Protein backbone atom coordinates (compact mmCIF):
# COMPACT_ATOMS: atom_id res chain seq x y z
CA MET A 1 2.58 19.26 0.80
CA ALA A 2 1.76 18.53 4.26
CA GLU A 3 -1.33 16.58 5.11
CA ALA A 4 -3.22 19.67 6.62
CA GLU A 5 -2.60 21.29 3.27
CA THR A 6 -3.91 18.70 0.86
CA VAL A 7 -6.92 18.01 2.61
CA LEU A 8 -9.22 20.57 4.47
CA PHE A 9 -11.79 20.17 7.39
CA GLU A 10 -14.50 22.04 8.63
CA THR A 11 -18.13 21.62 10.32
CA ARG A 12 -21.06 23.68 10.11
CA ALA A 13 -24.39 22.79 11.71
CA GLY A 14 -23.62 19.24 12.13
CA VAL A 15 -22.36 18.53 8.59
CA ALA A 16 -18.48 17.79 8.31
CA TYR A 17 -16.88 19.10 5.10
CA VAL A 18 -13.95 17.25 4.09
CA THR A 19 -12.18 18.95 1.16
CA MET A 20 -9.39 17.64 -1.26
CA ASN A 21 -7.29 20.84 -1.72
CA ARG A 22 -5.05 20.30 -4.59
CA PRO A 23 -7.04 22.40 -7.06
CA GLU A 24 -3.66 23.21 -9.27
CA LYS A 25 -3.53 19.23 -9.61
CA ARG A 26 -7.48 18.88 -10.42
CA ASN A 27 -7.23 17.04 -6.71
CA ALA A 28 -5.39 14.16 -8.05
CA LEU A 29 -4.79 11.42 -5.46
CA ASN A 30 -1.57 10.70 -3.85
CA GLU A 31 -0.33 9.31 -0.63
CA GLU A 32 -0.78 12.41 1.16
CA VAL A 33 -4.36 13.17 -0.01
CA VAL A 34 -5.48 9.53 0.88
CA THR A 35 -4.18 9.56 4.17
CA GLY A 36 -5.61 13.05 4.90
CA LEU A 37 -9.07 11.93 3.63
CA LYS A 38 -8.97 9.01 5.86
CA ALA A 39 -7.90 11.08 8.90
CA GLY A 40 -10.74 13.73 8.12
CA LEU A 41 -13.45 10.87 7.84
CA ARG A 42 -12.54 9.36 11.20
CA ARG A 43 -12.42 12.71 12.85
CA ALA A 44 -16.00 13.57 11.36
CA ASN A 45 -17.24 10.19 12.53
CA ALA A 46 -15.97 10.50 16.14
CA ASP A 47 -17.79 13.74 16.52
CA GLU A 48 -21.17 12.81 17.89
CA SER A 49 -22.72 15.93 16.48
CA THR A 50 -21.91 14.99 12.77
CA ARG A 51 -24.93 14.15 11.16
CA CYS A 52 -23.40 13.68 7.77
CA ILE A 53 -19.93 14.32 5.81
CA VAL A 54 -19.63 16.07 2.51
CA LEU A 55 -16.68 15.08 0.61
CA ARG A 56 -15.51 17.54 -2.19
CA GLY A 57 -12.69 19.19 -4.24
CA ALA A 58 -11.45 22.64 -4.17
CA GLY A 59 -11.30 24.53 -7.50
CA SER A 60 -13.25 23.34 -10.58
CA ASP A 61 -12.88 19.70 -10.43
CA PHE A 62 -13.75 16.96 -7.86
CA CYS A 63 -10.75 14.66 -8.47
CA ALA A 64 -8.92 13.42 -11.56
CA GLY A 65 -7.49 10.20 -10.16
CA ALA A 66 -3.91 9.66 -9.50
CA ASP A 67 -1.43 12.38 -10.27
CA LEU A 68 1.77 11.92 -12.48
CA SER A 69 4.17 11.37 -9.49
CA ALA A 70 1.87 8.56 -8.18
CA LEU A 71 1.84 7.03 -11.66
CA GLN A 72 5.59 7.20 -11.97
CA LYS A 73 5.72 5.72 -8.48
CA ILE A 74 3.53 2.85 -9.56
CA VAL A 75 5.88 1.93 -12.55
CA GLN A 76 9.13 2.21 -10.42
CA ALA A 77 7.66 0.61 -7.35
CA SER A 78 8.25 -3.14 -6.37
CA VAL A 79 5.20 -5.61 -6.04
CA ALA A 80 5.27 -5.26 -2.24
CA GLU A 81 5.27 -1.29 -2.59
CA ASN A 82 2.35 -1.18 -5.02
CA LEU A 83 0.48 -3.59 -3.06
CA ASP A 84 0.69 -1.30 0.13
CA ASP A 85 -0.22 1.65 -2.04
CA ALA A 86 -3.47 -0.27 -3.63
CA GLN A 87 -4.43 -1.25 -0.24
CA SER A 88 -4.07 2.25 1.13
CA LEU A 89 -7.10 3.28 -1.23
CA ALA A 90 -9.07 0.14 -0.84
CA GLU A 91 -8.92 1.00 2.93
CA LEU A 92 -10.31 4.55 2.09
CA PHE A 93 -13.22 3.01 -0.10
CA LEU A 94 -14.08 0.41 2.82
CA LEU A 95 -13.81 3.17 5.54
CA ILE A 96 -16.54 5.36 3.84
CA ARG A 97 -18.96 2.20 4.42
CA GLU A 98 -17.90 1.57 7.85
CA LEU A 99 -18.59 4.99 9.17
CA ASP A 100 -21.75 5.39 11.13
CA VAL A 101 -22.87 8.67 9.20
CA PRO A 102 -23.74 9.13 5.75
CA VAL A 103 -20.79 10.47 3.37
CA ILE A 104 -22.12 12.45 0.45
CA ALA A 105 -19.95 13.33 -2.52
CA ALA A 106 -20.45 16.79 -4.06
CA VAL A 107 -19.00 16.44 -7.39
CA ARG A 108 -18.27 19.54 -9.58
CA GLY A 109 -16.24 19.32 -12.79
CA ARG A 110 -14.38 16.05 -13.26
CA ALA A 111 -14.54 12.92 -11.48
CA LEU A 112 -11.97 10.38 -13.19
CA ALA A 113 -10.49 7.23 -12.71
CA GLY A 114 -9.83 6.64 -8.85
CA GLY A 115 -11.64 10.14 -8.37
CA SER A 116 -14.86 8.57 -9.95
CA GLY A 117 -14.33 5.56 -7.83
CA LEU A 118 -14.13 7.86 -4.61
CA ALA A 119 -17.33 9.49 -5.53
CA LEU A 120 -19.00 6.29 -6.13
CA ALA A 121 -17.78 4.80 -2.84
CA CYS A 122 -19.77 7.41 -1.14
CA ASP A 123 -23.13 6.66 0.04
CA ILE A 124 -24.83 9.42 -1.99
CA VAL A 125 -23.59 11.25 -5.01
CA LEU A 126 -24.75 14.95 -5.79
CA ALA A 127 -23.46 16.46 -8.94
CA GLU A 128 -23.47 19.69 -10.84
CA ARG A 129 -25.06 19.45 -14.38
CA ASP A 130 -21.60 19.97 -16.11
CA ALA A 131 -20.01 17.23 -14.05
CA ARG A 132 -18.21 14.56 -15.87
CA PHE A 133 -17.51 10.97 -14.79
CA GLY A 134 -15.35 8.48 -16.41
CA PHE A 135 -13.03 5.45 -16.22
CA PRO A 136 -10.06 6.01 -18.49
CA GLU A 137 -7.51 3.63 -16.91
CA VAL A 138 -7.48 1.25 -19.77
CA LYS A 139 -6.14 4.07 -22.09
CA ILE A 140 -3.01 3.38 -20.12
CA GLY A 141 -2.89 -0.36 -19.55
CA PHE A 142 -4.37 0.02 -16.24
CA VAL A 143 -7.22 -1.98 -14.67
CA PRO A 144 -9.82 -0.23 -12.58
CA ALA A 145 -9.73 -3.03 -10.33
CA MET A 146 -10.91 -1.76 -6.84
CA VAL A 147 -13.25 0.79 -8.36
CA MET A 148 -14.95 -2.10 -10.39
CA ALA A 149 -15.98 -3.58 -7.01
CA ILE A 150 -17.84 -0.37 -6.23
CA LEU A 151 -19.18 0.15 -9.92
CA ARG A 152 -20.70 -3.38 -10.23
CA ARG A 153 -22.80 -2.73 -7.08
CA ASN A 154 -24.30 0.25 -8.82
CA VAL A 155 -25.11 -0.78 -12.47
CA SER A 156 -25.75 -3.84 -14.42
CA GLU A 157 -23.05 -5.99 -15.77
CA LYS A 158 -23.38 -4.71 -19.20
CA ARG A 159 -23.25 -1.37 -18.33
CA ALA A 160 -20.30 -1.80 -16.02
CA PHE A 161 -18.28 -3.48 -18.75
CA GLU A 162 -19.04 -0.70 -21.24
CA LEU A 163 -18.00 2.05 -18.95
CA ILE A 164 -14.51 0.37 -17.71
CA THR A 165 -13.44 -0.93 -21.43
CA ARG A 166 -14.30 2.03 -23.47
CA GLY A 167 -12.57 4.63 -21.15
CA ALA A 168 -15.03 7.45 -22.17
CA GLU A 169 -16.58 9.96 -20.06
CA ILE A 170 -20.13 10.46 -19.34
CA SER A 171 -22.30 13.39 -18.30
CA ALA A 172 -23.92 13.84 -14.75
CA ASP A 173 -27.34 13.24 -16.48
CA GLU A 174 -26.16 9.91 -17.89
CA ALA A 175 -24.52 9.16 -14.54
CA LYS A 176 -27.82 9.72 -13.13
CA GLU A 177 -29.61 7.68 -15.56
CA PHE A 178 -27.15 4.77 -14.88
CA GLY A 179 -27.75 4.86 -11.02
CA LEU A 180 -24.37 6.23 -10.32
CA VAL A 181 -25.56 9.74 -9.30
CA ASN A 182 -28.61 10.42 -6.94
CA GLN A 183 -29.18 14.37 -7.89
CA VAL A 184 -28.07 16.46 -10.31
CA PHE A 185 -28.29 20.27 -9.65
CA PRO A 186 -27.73 23.44 -11.71
CA ASN A 187 -24.23 24.68 -11.53
CA GLU A 188 -25.00 28.26 -10.57
CA SER A 189 -26.81 26.97 -7.31
CA PHE A 190 -24.89 23.82 -6.79
CA ALA A 191 -23.37 24.87 -3.31
CA GLU A 192 -26.67 26.05 -2.06
CA ASP A 193 -28.61 22.86 -3.26
CA VAL A 194 -26.07 20.61 -1.55
CA ASN A 195 -26.23 22.46 1.75
CA ARG A 196 -30.10 22.30 1.56
CA TYR A 197 -29.98 18.62 0.62
CA VAL A 198 -27.53 17.60 3.54
CA ALA A 199 -29.42 19.76 5.86
CA GLU A 200 -32.25 17.44 5.98
CA PHE A 201 -30.17 14.81 7.75
CA GLU A 202 -30.42 17.05 10.86
CA LYS A 203 -33.98 16.18 11.21
CA MET A 204 -33.49 12.40 11.15
CA SER A 205 -32.45 10.05 13.76
CA ALA A 206 -28.92 9.50 13.99
CA SER A 207 -28.93 6.09 15.29
CA ALA A 208 -31.57 5.07 12.90
CA ILE A 209 -29.32 6.34 10.09
CA GLY A 210 -26.29 4.48 11.42
CA LEU A 211 -28.09 1.24 11.86
CA THR A 212 -29.69 1.57 8.29
CA LYS A 213 -26.36 2.31 6.59
CA THR A 214 -24.73 -0.74 8.46
CA LEU A 215 -27.63 -3.24 7.61
CA LEU A 216 -27.78 -1.99 3.79
CA TYR A 217 -24.09 -2.86 3.02
CA GLN A 218 -24.14 -5.98 5.33
CA MET A 219 -26.85 -7.57 3.26
CA ASP A 220 -24.63 -7.40 0.14
CA GLY A 221 -24.35 -11.04 -0.71
CA MET A 222 -26.74 -12.31 1.65
CA GLY A 223 -29.45 -14.78 0.74
CA PHE A 224 -33.12 -13.75 1.11
CA PRO A 225 -33.94 -15.72 4.45
CA GLU A 226 -30.47 -14.38 6.03
CA ALA A 227 -31.24 -10.91 4.91
CA LEU A 228 -34.56 -11.17 6.71
CA GLU A 229 -33.11 -12.54 9.72
CA THR A 230 -30.44 -10.03 10.09
CA GLY A 231 -33.06 -7.26 9.35
CA ALA A 232 -35.17 -8.60 12.22
CA ASP A 233 -32.12 -8.38 14.51
CA VAL A 234 -31.61 -4.95 13.64
CA ASN A 235 -35.30 -3.75 14.05
CA VAL A 236 -35.29 -5.10 17.53
CA ILE A 237 -32.00 -3.19 18.26
CA ALA A 238 -33.56 0.13 16.62
CA ARG A 239 -36.59 -0.47 18.98
CA LEU A 240 -34.54 -0.37 22.22
CA THR A 241 -32.53 2.90 21.49
CA ASP A 242 -33.46 5.96 23.36
CA ASP A 243 -33.89 8.06 20.24
CA CYS A 244 -36.46 5.66 18.93
CA ARG A 245 -38.35 5.49 21.93
CA GLN A 246 -38.41 9.29 22.54
CA ARG A 247 -39.46 10.10 18.83
CA ILE A 248 -42.20 7.58 18.89
CA ALA A 249 -43.36 8.96 22.32
CA LYS A 250 -43.53 12.56 20.74
CA PHE A 251 -45.16 11.20 17.72
CA LEU A 252 -48.00 9.68 19.80
CA GLN A 253 -48.31 12.65 21.88
CA LYS A 254 -48.71 14.81 18.72
CA ASP A 255 -51.27 12.50 17.36
CA ARG A 256 -53.39 12.57 20.37
CA SER A 257 -53.34 16.46 20.38
């Protein structure tokens, strides 16, 4: 398939929708999908009118991980080829964190293996009630290595070990309880609930959201004093933005009236 067919792109009211479009393969990841996702994310981020990005899958599932052809390629490929393939997926996970705008995973159906990692790499995860998450890699002798870097930042050490070594699937409600999912919405109203949720970003300051996202992830691994010092620097930067000044002036004017 061509890149334009495997990943769809559209924008509505400041929201960019990036959709994996291989429903017959449960939106399984291959080279074309990964490349298309990176292109779609960069395209959305480059548009100043974009307030957030919704990452979703066509059909009944979000993403089932690597497809059979990708797994066959892994077995037959050289060390260098496997490294290139792994690094391409790592670049996708990292790109999501480096974008200026929030990236929201809208998960319907199954998000498994790399597909689960893709969802968790997003800034926010919204799931329908019947959604399922899982890390079945160990069943085929594979290690969810890059996914582990994301998972470990979301759950406790004990919980992470359990999830990645038992290979079991968990429900959306369990995923929310573990801290992997932000909100669970009913199946029948999922699309409307997602649209209503992401529409709230239109009311927020784009510059403040961008600075907040960058700072939050930048603080990973920092000591407390360093985190405070970095926070102070960003605080000053935020105060000097036109958006902050205009919104404060508007707030003060409203308060006086």
